[in-house]
Amino acid sequence: MPRYEYQCQKCGTFEVNQRISDPALTHHTCGAPAERLISQNAFSLKGSGWYSDGYSGSKTSGSVTKSTSSD
């Protein structure tokens, strides 16, 4: 279940675990309306194998070229 951050008009911010389909809340302590905030998440795609490194067009398709030497 996602964790949402809310901004209360009187008290400040607080966090709540709730479904995305649940309606916006009022602050449980003071009863004032609270607005759901959009926060930055910590999800990051790191390492090899992701689209930006794994599927670039600069790689060859497996054909091998032989170099010939003239003596």
Protein backbone atom coordinates (compact mmCIF):
# COMPACT_ATOMS: atom_id res chain seq x y z
CA MET A 1 0.00 0.00 0.00
CA PRO A 2 1.46 3.42 -0.93
CA ARG A 3 2.52 5.97 1.65
CA TYR A 4 1.20 9.49 0.99
CA GLU A 5 2.37 12.78 2.41
CA TYR A 6 -0.29 15.37 3.30
CA GLN A 7 -0.05 19.10 4.04
CA CYS A 8 -2.39 20.31 6.77
CA GLN A 9 -3.32 24.00 6.58
CA LYS A 10 -2.91 24.42 10.35
CA CYS A 11 -0.40 21.81 11.57
CA GLY A 12 2.07 21.06 8.76
CA THR A 13 2.84 17.76 7.05
CA PHE A 14 2.02 14.17 8.00
CA GLU A 15 2.19 10.76 6.29
CA VAL A 16 -0.50 8.10 5.87
CA ASN A 17 -0.59 4.61 4.33
CA GLN A 18 -3.67 4.40 2.11
CA ARG A 19 -4.94 3.12 -1.23
CA ILE A 20 -4.67 5.33 -4.29
CA SER A 21 -8.46 5.13 -4.71
CA ASP A 22 -9.13 6.46 -1.18
CA PRO A 23 -10.35 10.08 -0.97
CA ALA A 24 -8.18 12.88 0.43
CA LEU A 25 -8.10 13.15 4.21
CA THR A 26 -8.61 15.75 6.89
CA HIS A 27 -5.99 15.98 9.63
CA HIS A 28 -6.91 13.52 12.39
CA THR A 29 -5.79 15.86 15.21
CA CYS A 30 -7.24 19.26 14.28
CA GLY A 31 -9.84 18.33 11.62
CA ALA A 32 -8.54 20.88 9.09
CA PRO A 33 -8.54 19.99 5.37
CA ALA A 34 -5.33 18.38 4.15
CA GLU A 35 -3.90 18.34 0.64
CA ARG A 36 -2.11 15.30 -0.78
CA LEU A 37 1.45 16.20 -1.79
CA ILE A 38 3.50 14.72 -4.61
CA SER A 39 6.88 13.64 -3.28
CA GLN A 40 10.02 12.48 -5.01
CA ASN A 41 10.60 8.75 -4.75
CA ALA A 42 13.88 6.93 -4.26
CA PHE A 43 13.42 4.46 -7.14
CA SER A 44 16.38 4.46 -9.52
CA LEU A 45 17.39 2.12 -12.34
CA LYS A 46 21.11 1.53 -11.91
CA GLY A 47 23.47 -1.02 -13.36
CA SER A 48 23.73 -2.59 -16.77
CA GLY A 49 20.92 -4.11 -18.78
CA TRP A 50 18.51 -1.18 -18.82
CA TYR A 51 17.32 0.51 -21.99
CA SER A 52 19.92 3.29 -22.03
CA ASP A 53 22.90 0.88 -21.88
CA GLY A 54 21.55 -2.40 -23.17
CA TYR A 55 19.92 -1.36 -26.41
CA SER A 56 22.11 1.32 -27.90
CA GLY A 57 22.60 1.36 -31.67
CA SER A 58 26.40 1.57 -31.52
CA LYS A 59 26.97 -2.17 -31.06
CA THR A 60 27.58 -4.43 -34.03
CA SER A 61 25.17 -7.20 -34.91
CA GLY A 62 27.70 -9.97 -34.48
CA SER A 63 29.50 -9.75 -37.82
CA VAL A 64 33.24 -10.18 -37.56
CA THR A 65 35.60 -8.34 -39.87
CA LYS A 66 38.96 -9.84 -40.69
CA SER A 67 41.97 -7.70 -41.29
CA THR A 68 44.33 -8.90 -44.00
CA SER A 69 47.99 -8.07 -43.96
CA SER A 70 50.08 -7.57 -47.06
CA ASP A 71 53.62 -8.93 -46.74
